[in-house]
Amino acid sequence: MNGPTNPIPPRRRVGRLGVYAPWPLVGVTLILVALVVFTPVLVSNSHQPGPGLLTQAELVVDRTAYNATFHFYVWALGETIRYDAVRVGLAGPFNWSGTNLVPWGSLNWTRWYNGSNILSEIVTTQANPVALNISVHYVSPSGATWYVGLLAFYVYTTASPSGESLYSATATPGIGVPGATAVSNSTLPVAILLANAGSGGPS
């Protein structure tokens, strides 16, 4: 019995390159390439993150052996975090009693460094000992906070071969400072995390 049959449509001819690059594969590849190219632009133009690990401010202390200059750097753990304000006050020299006793109440803050809308603040001084009064303000659409620290440093020189030792002290709860540290390229710089004072600001 000869009944109606469904004709089989002719198969579409594949182009010369179709064997090697089918159109679905080409489309997915183009989408991935677009994501790779444009994602860095989207990320770089986005708002700064809310207060957190990346926005945590730290103080980096550096000095080379038998060099009379301290170098202090205030910046964020996340290298591209921009601070609304950074304020660093310097006091010194003063009488450093023992290895960690600092006359916090009688310090004379003679120099101030004020920066706004910056990634970092760099301070140098030859005062020894020297104290720093640091306040850093971070603000974003999702929140704001202050990072603070009241710290002091003293380099004590002993007779050869002992060399120089860096002593550190702080009057701010929550900040950990290193013990006596030899001044050398293998031990310095040292990084110290500042205290998070919250949105209320320095007390």
C-alpha atoms as a PDB file:
ATOM      1  CA  MET A   1       0.000   0.000   0.000  1.00  0.00           C
ATOM      2  CA  ASN A   2       1.406   3.211  -1.096  1.00  0.00           C
ATOM      3  CA  GLY A   3       0.485   5.960   1.378  1.00  0.00           C
ATOM      4  CA  PRO A   4       1.704   9.538   1.730  1.00  0.00           C
ATOM      5  CA  THR A   5       5.196   9.894   3.048  1.00  0.00           C
ATOM      6  CA  ASN A   6       6.772  12.814   4.889  1.00  0.00           C
ATOM      7  CA  PRO A   7       9.507  14.223   2.765  1.00  0.00           C
ATOM      8  CA  ILE A   8      12.864  14.600   4.541  1.00  0.00           C
ATOM      9  CA  PRO A   9      14.027  18.203   4.244  1.00  0.00           C
ATOM     10  CA  PRO A  10      17.343  18.623   2.560  1.00  0.00           C
ATOM     11  CA  ARG A  11      20.233  19.063   4.978  1.00  0.00           C
ATOM     12  CA  ARG A  12      21.695  22.555   5.162  1.00  0.00           C
ATOM     13  CA  ARG A  13      25.076  22.773   3.614  1.00  0.00           C
ATOM     14  CA  VAL A  14      27.860  23.473   6.048  1.00  0.00           C
ATOM     15  CA  GLY A  15      30.234  26.232   5.044  1.00  0.00           C
ATOM     16  CA  ARG A  16      33.909  25.638   4.608  1.00  0.00           C
ATOM     17  CA  LEU A  17      34.684  26.737   8.170  1.00  0.00           C
ATOM     18  CA  GLY A  18      31.559  25.286   9.715  1.00  0.00           C
ATOM     19  CA  VAL A  19      33.222  21.954  10.278  1.00  0.00           C
ATOM     20  CA  TYR A  20      35.880  23.578  12.448  1.00  0.00           C
ATOM     21  CA  ALA A  21      33.798  26.343  14.074  1.00  0.00           C
ATOM     22  CA  PRO A  22      30.071  25.596  14.450  1.00  0.00           C
ATOM     23  CA  TRP A  23      27.978  28.712  15.030  1.00  0.00           C
ATOM     24  CA  PRO A  24      26.885  27.828  18.614  1.00  0.00           C
ATOM     25  CA  LEU A  25      30.539  27.437  19.600  1.00  0.00           C
ATOM     26  CA  VAL A  26      31.438  30.725  17.921  1.00  0.00           C
ATOM     27  CA  GLY A  27      28.627  32.529  19.752  1.00  0.00           C
ATOM     28  CA  VAL A  28      29.669  31.242  23.173  1.00  0.00           C
ATOM     29  CA  THR A  29      33.291  32.152  22.458  1.00  0.00           C
ATOM     30  CA  LEU A  30      32.349  35.721  21.524  1.00  0.00           C
ATOM     31  CA  ILE A  31      30.352  36.119  24.741  1.00  0.00           C
ATOM     32  CA  LEU A  32      33.295  34.887  26.850  1.00  0.00           C
ATOM     33  CA  VAL A  33      35.696  37.217  25.062  1.00  0.00           C
ATOM     34  CA  ALA A  34      33.341  40.159  25.711  1.00  0.00           C
ATOM     35  CA  LEU A  35      33.190  39.279  29.422  1.00  0.00           C
ATOM     36  CA  VAL A  36      36.972  39.073  29.692  1.00  0.00           C
ATOM     37  CA  VAL A  37      37.412  42.422  27.932  1.00  0.00           C
ATOM     38  CA  PHE A  38      34.707  44.434  29.689  1.00  0.00           C
ATOM     39  CA  THR A  39      34.682  42.991  33.219  1.00  0.00           C
ATOM     40  CA  PRO A  40      37.807  44.946  34.396  1.00  0.00           C
ATOM     41  CA  VAL A  41      36.143  48.156  33.193  1.00  0.00           C
ATOM     42  CA  LEU A  42      32.957  47.368  35.096  1.00  0.00           C
ATOM     43  CA  VAL A  43      34.892  46.520  38.267  1.00  0.00           C
ATOM     44  CA  SER A  44      37.121  49.602  38.106  1.00  0.00           C
ATOM     45  CA  ASN A  45      34.087  51.864  37.718  1.00  0.00           C
ATOM     46  CA  SER A  46      32.151  50.303  40.590  1.00  0.00           C
ATOM     47  CA  HIS A  47      31.716  51.872  44.033  1.00  0.00           C
ATOM     48  CA  GLN A  48      34.253  51.182  46.714  1.00  0.00           C
ATOM     49  CA  PRO A  49      33.404  48.249  48.981  1.00  0.00           C
ATOM     50  CA  GLY A  50      31.873  48.711  52.391  1.00  0.00           C
ATOM     51  CA  PRO A  51      34.162  48.786  55.436  1.00  0.00           C
ATOM     52  CA  GLY A  52      35.895  45.431  55.817  1.00  0.00           C
ATOM     53  CA  LEU A  53      39.161  43.574  55.400  1.00  0.00           C
ATOM     54  CA  LEU A  54      40.246  45.412  52.238  1.00  0.00           C
ATOM     55  CA  THR A  55      39.629  48.847  53.770  1.00  0.00           C
ATOM     56  CA  GLN A  56      41.562  48.064  56.974  1.00  0.00           C
ATOM     57  CA  ALA A  57      44.243  50.731  57.467  1.00  0.00           C
ATOM     58  CA  GLU A  58      47.772  49.832  58.488  1.00  0.00           C
ATOM     59  CA  LEU A  59      50.922  51.698  59.451  1.00  0.00           C
ATOM     60  CA  VAL A  60      54.161  50.501  57.875  1.00  0.00           C
ATOM     61  CA  VAL A  61      57.339  51.463  59.750  1.00  0.00           C
ATOM     62  CA  ASP A  62      60.672  51.450  57.943  1.00  0.00           C
ATOM     63  CA  ARG A  63      64.229  52.516  58.700  1.00  0.00           C
ATOM     64  CA  THR A  64      67.620  51.319  57.517  1.00  0.00           C
ATOM     65  CA  ALA A  65      70.533  50.642  59.813  1.00  0.00           C
ATOM     66  CA  TYR A  66      72.454  53.722  60.948  1.00  0.00           C
ATOM     67  CA  ASN A  67      70.168  56.029  58.975  1.00  0.00           C
ATOM     68  CA  ALA A  68      68.615  58.812  61.013  1.00  0.00           C
ATOM     69  CA  THR A  69      65.292  58.897  59.134  1.00  0.00           C
ATOM     70  CA  PHE A  70      62.050  57.098  59.956  1.00  0.00           C
ATOM     71  CA  HIS A  71      59.694  56.351  57.064  1.00  0.00           C
ATOM     72  CA  PHE A  72      56.014  55.851  57.900  1.00  0.00           C
ATOM     73  CA  TYR A  73      53.352  54.761  55.401  1.00  0.00           C
ATOM     74  CA  VAL A  74      49.605  54.777  56.097  1.00  0.00           C
ATOM     75  CA  TRP A  75      47.558  52.794  53.563  1.00  0.00           C
ATOM     76  CA  ALA A  76      44.961  50.028  53.221  1.00  0.00           C
ATOM     77  CA  LEU A  77      45.363  46.272  53.023  1.00  0.00           C
ATOM     78  CA  GLY A  78      43.510  46.529  49.712  1.00  0.00           C
ATOM     79  CA  GLU A  79      46.022  48.472  47.648  1.00  0.00           C
ATOM     80  CA  THR A  80      43.483  50.523  45.663  1.00  0.00           C
ATOM     81  CA  ILE A  81      41.306  51.695  48.566  1.00  0.00           C
ATOM     82  CA  ARG A  82      40.814  55.470  48.625  1.00  0.00           C
ATOM     83  CA  TYR A  83      40.416  57.175  51.997  1.00  0.00           C
ATOM     84  CA  ASP A  84      38.216  60.192  52.558  1.00  0.00           C
ATOM     85  CA  ALA A  85      40.741  61.651  55.025  1.00  0.00           C
ATOM     86  CA  VAL A  86      44.094  60.729  56.575  1.00  0.00           C
ATOM     87  CA  ARG A  87      45.540  62.748  59.458  1.00  0.00           C
ATOM     88  CA  VAL A  88      48.935  62.058  61.041  1.00  0.00           C
ATOM     89  CA  GLY A  89      50.376  64.099  63.906  1.00  0.00           C
ATOM     90  CA  LEU A  90      54.033  63.916  64.992  1.00  0.00           C
ATOM     91  CA  ALA A  91      55.517  64.534  68.423  1.00  0.00           C
ATOM     92  CA  GLY A  92      59.164  64.225  69.357  1.00  0.00           C
ATOM     93  CA  PRO A  93      61.773  63.865  70.428  1.00  0.00           C
ATOM     94  CA  PHE A  94      60.821  63.272  74.085  1.00  0.00           C
ATOM     95  CA  ASN A  95      62.077  61.299  77.048  1.00  0.00           C
ATOM     96  CA  TRP A  96      61.584  57.559  76.435  1.00  0.00           C
ATOM     97  CA  SER A  97      61.793  55.910  79.836  1.00  0.00           C
ATOM     98  CA  GLY A  98      62.926  52.301  79.723  1.00  0.00           C
ATOM     99  CA  THR A  99      61.936  50.306  76.653  1.00  0.00           C
ATOM    100  CA  ASN A 100      58.226  51.057  76.312  1.00  0.00           C
ATOM    101  CA  LEU A 101      57.199  53.856  78.684  1.00  0.00           C
ATOM    102  CA  VAL A 102      55.974  56.952  76.837  1.00  0.00           C
ATOM    103  CA  PRO A 103      54.682  60.189  78.436  1.00  0.00           C
ATOM    104  CA  TRP A 104      51.461  60.113  76.375  1.00  0.00           C
ATOM    105  CA  GLY A 105      49.777  62.898  78.312  1.00  0.00           C
ATOM    106  CA  SER A 106      52.554  65.448  77.809  1.00  0.00           C
ATOM    107  CA  LEU A 107      53.371  64.925  74.121  1.00  0.00           C
ATOM    108  CA  ASN A 108      53.564  68.068  71.998  1.00  0.00           C
ATOM    109  CA  TRP A 109      52.071  67.485  68.531  1.00  0.00           C
ATOM    110  CA  THR A 110      54.114  69.967  66.498  1.00  0.00           C
ATOM    111  CA  ARG A 111      53.591  68.690  62.949  1.00  0.00           C
ATOM    112  CA  TRP A 112      50.423  67.529  61.215  1.00  0.00           C
ATOM    113  CA  TYR A 113      49.971  65.862  57.844  1.00  0.00           C
ATOM    114  CA  ASN A 114      46.471  66.085  56.389  1.00  0.00           C
ATOM    115  CA  GLY A 115      45.366  64.326  53.207  1.00  0.00           C
ATOM    116  CA  SER A 116      41.929  63.964  51.633  1.00  0.00           C
ATOM    117  CA  ASN A 117      40.668  61.613  48.940  1.00  0.00           C
ATOM    118  CA  ILE A 118      44.004  59.754  48.842  1.00  0.00           C
ATOM    119  CA  LEU A 119      45.333  56.207  48.704  1.00  0.00           C
ATOM    120  CA  SER A 120      48.129  56.726  51.233  1.00  0.00           C
ATOM    121  CA  GLU A 121      49.983  59.202  53.409  1.00  0.00           C
ATOM    122  CA  ILE A 122      53.783  59.079  53.672  1.00  0.00           C
ATOM    123  CA  VAL A 123      55.604  60.749  56.557  1.00  0.00           C
ATOM    124  CA  THR A 124      59.354  60.997  57.208  1.00  0.00           C
ATOM    125  CA  THR A 125      61.106  62.337  60.277  1.00  0.00           C
ATOM    126  CA  GLN A 126      64.479  62.282  62.002  1.00  0.00           C
ATOM    127  CA  ALA A 127      62.959  62.674  65.469  1.00  0.00           C
ATOM    128  CA  ASN A 128      63.968  59.815  67.786  1.00  0.00           C
ATOM    129  CA  PRO A 129      61.946  58.849  69.688  1.00  0.00           C
ATOM    130  CA  VAL A 130      58.820  59.877  67.804  1.00  0.00           C
ATOM    131  CA  ALA A 131      55.094  59.455  68.426  1.00  0.00           C
ATOM    132  CA  LEU A 132      52.323  59.336  65.841  1.00  0.00           C
ATOM    133  CA  ASN A 133      48.674  60.267  66.279  1.00  0.00           C
ATOM    134  CA  ILE A 134      46.839  58.683  63.321  1.00  0.00           C
ATOM    135  CA  SER A 135      43.203  58.899  62.261  1.00  0.00           C
ATOM    136  CA  VAL A 136      41.950  57.562  58.932  1.00  0.00           C
ATOM    137  CA  HIS A 137      38.380  57.958  57.648  1.00  0.00           C
ATOM    138  CA  TYR A 138      36.867  55.616  55.093  1.00  0.00           C
ATOM    139  CA  VAL A 139      33.471  56.222  53.514  1.00  0.00           C
ATOM    140  CA  SER A 140      31.468  54.318  50.898  1.00  0.00           C
ATOM    141  CA  PRO A 141      27.813  54.156  49.857  1.00  0.00           C
ATOM    142  CA  SER A 142      27.349  51.168  52.163  1.00  0.00           C
ATOM    143  CA  GLY A 143      29.040  52.550  55.269  1.00  0.00           C
ATOM    144  CA  ALA A 144      31.882  54.473  56.877  1.00  0.00           C
ATOM    145  CA  THR A 145      34.433  53.905  59.622  1.00  0.00           C
ATOM    146  CA  TRP A 146      37.500  55.343  61.330  1.00  0.00           C
ATOM    147  CA  TYR A 147      40.868  53.664  61.840  1.00  0.00           C
ATOM    148  CA  VAL A 148      42.990  55.156  64.612  1.00  0.00           C
ATOM    149  CA  GLY A 149      46.260  54.676  66.446  1.00  0.00           C
ATOM    150  CA  LEU A 150      48.447  56.418  68.998  1.00  0.00           C
ATOM    151  CA  LEU A 151      51.928  54.891  68.629  1.00  0.00           C
ATOM    152  CA  ALA A 152      55.553  55.656  69.497  1.00  0.00           C
ATOM    153  CA  PHE A 153      58.896  54.379  68.204  1.00  0.00           C
ATOM    154  CA  TYR A 154      62.449  54.609  69.441  1.00  0.00           C
ATOM    155  CA  VAL A 155      65.688  53.366  67.893  1.00  0.00           C
ATOM    156  CA  TYR A 156      68.319  52.564  70.511  1.00  0.00           C
ATOM    157  CA  THR A 157      71.927  52.194  69.396  1.00  0.00           C
ATOM    158  CA  THR A 158      74.215  49.850  71.273  1.00  0.00           C
ATOM    159  CA  ALA A 159      77.876  49.133  70.920  1.00  0.00           C
ATOM    160  CA  SER A 160      79.013  46.926  68.048  1.00  0.00           C
ATOM    161  CA  PRO A 161      78.175  44.196  67.146  1.00  0.00           C
ATOM    162  CA  SER A 162      74.658  44.556  68.612  1.00  0.00           C
ATOM    163  CA  GLY A 163      73.766  47.487  66.345  1.00  0.00           C
ATOM    164  CA  GLU A 164      70.380  49.198  66.557  1.00  0.00           C
ATOM    165  CA  SER A 165      67.073  48.041  68.008  1.00  0.00           C
ATOM    166  CA  LEU A 166      63.587  49.404  67.300  1.00  0.00           C
ATOM    167  CA  TYR A 167      61.225  49.677  70.256  1.00  0.00           C
ATOM    168  CA  SER A 168      57.493  50.236  69.795  1.00  0.00           C
ATOM    169  CA  ALA A 169      54.645  51.260  72.099  1.00  0.00           C
ATOM    170  CA  THR A 170      50.965  52.136  71.762  1.00  0.00           C
ATOM    171  CA  ALA A 171      48.291  53.769  73.888  1.00  0.00           C
ATOM    172  CA  THR A 172      45.432  52.487  71.702  1.00  0.00           C
ATOM    173  CA  PRO A 173      43.619  49.306  72.799  1.00  0.00           C
ATOM    174  CA  GLY A 174      43.411  46.665  70.103  1.00  0.00           C
ATOM    175  CA  ILE A 175      46.710  47.493  68.411  1.00  0.00           C
ATOM    176  CA  GLY A 176      49.542  44.985  68.551  1.00  0.00           C
ATOM    177  CA  VAL A 177      53.081  46.319  68.257  1.00  0.00           C
ATOM    178  CA  PRO A 178      56.208  44.205  67.778  1.00  0.00           C
ATOM    179  CA  GLY A 179      58.744  43.639  70.518  1.00  0.00           C
ATOM    180  CA  ALA A 180      62.314  44.886  70.278  1.00  0.00           C
ATOM    181  CA  THR A 181      63.365  44.423  66.653  1.00  0.00           C
ATOM    182  CA  ALA A 182      66.823  44.651  65.129  1.00  0.00           C
ATOM    183  CA  VAL A 183      67.077  47.427  62.553  1.00  0.00           C
ATOM    184  CA  SER A 184      68.042  45.576  59.391  1.00  0.00           C
ATOM    185  CA  ASN A 185      66.803  44.825  55.903  1.00  0.00           C
ATOM    186  CA  SER A 186      65.695  41.358  57.021  1.00  0.00           C
ATOM    187  CA  THR A 187      63.477  42.580  59.884  1.00  0.00           C
ATOM    188  CA  LEU A 188      62.108  45.895  58.591  1.00  0.00           C
ATOM    189  CA  PRO A 189      59.718  47.195  57.426  1.00  0.00           C
ATOM    190  CA  VAL A 190      57.036  46.110  59.884  1.00  0.00           C
ATOM    191  CA  ALA A 191      53.283  46.526  59.386  1.00  0.00           C
ATOM    192  CA  ILE A 192      50.927  47.405  62.245  1.00  0.00           C
ATOM    193  CA  LEU A 193      47.132  47.254  61.861  1.00  0.00           C
ATOM    194  CA  LEU A 194      45.341  50.327  63.191  1.00  0.00           C
ATOM    195  CA  ALA A 195      42.318  50.003  65.488  1.00  0.00           C
ATOM    196  CA  ASN A 196      38.817  50.139  63.996  1.00  0.00           C
ATOM    197  CA  ALA A 197      36.964  52.867  65.907  1.00  0.00           C
ATOM    198  CA  GLY A 198      33.709  52.406  63.989  1.00  0.00           C
ATOM    199  CA  SER A 199      31.624  55.147  62.460  1.00  0.00           C
ATOM    200  CA  GLY A 200      31.662  57.254  65.631  1.00  0.00           C
ATOM    201  CA  GLY A 201      35.206  58.400  65.037  1.00  0.00           C
ATOM    202  CA  PRO A 202      38.219  58.841  67.323  1.00  0.00           C
ATOM    203  CA  SER A 203      37.395  59.162  71.007  1.00  0.00           C
END
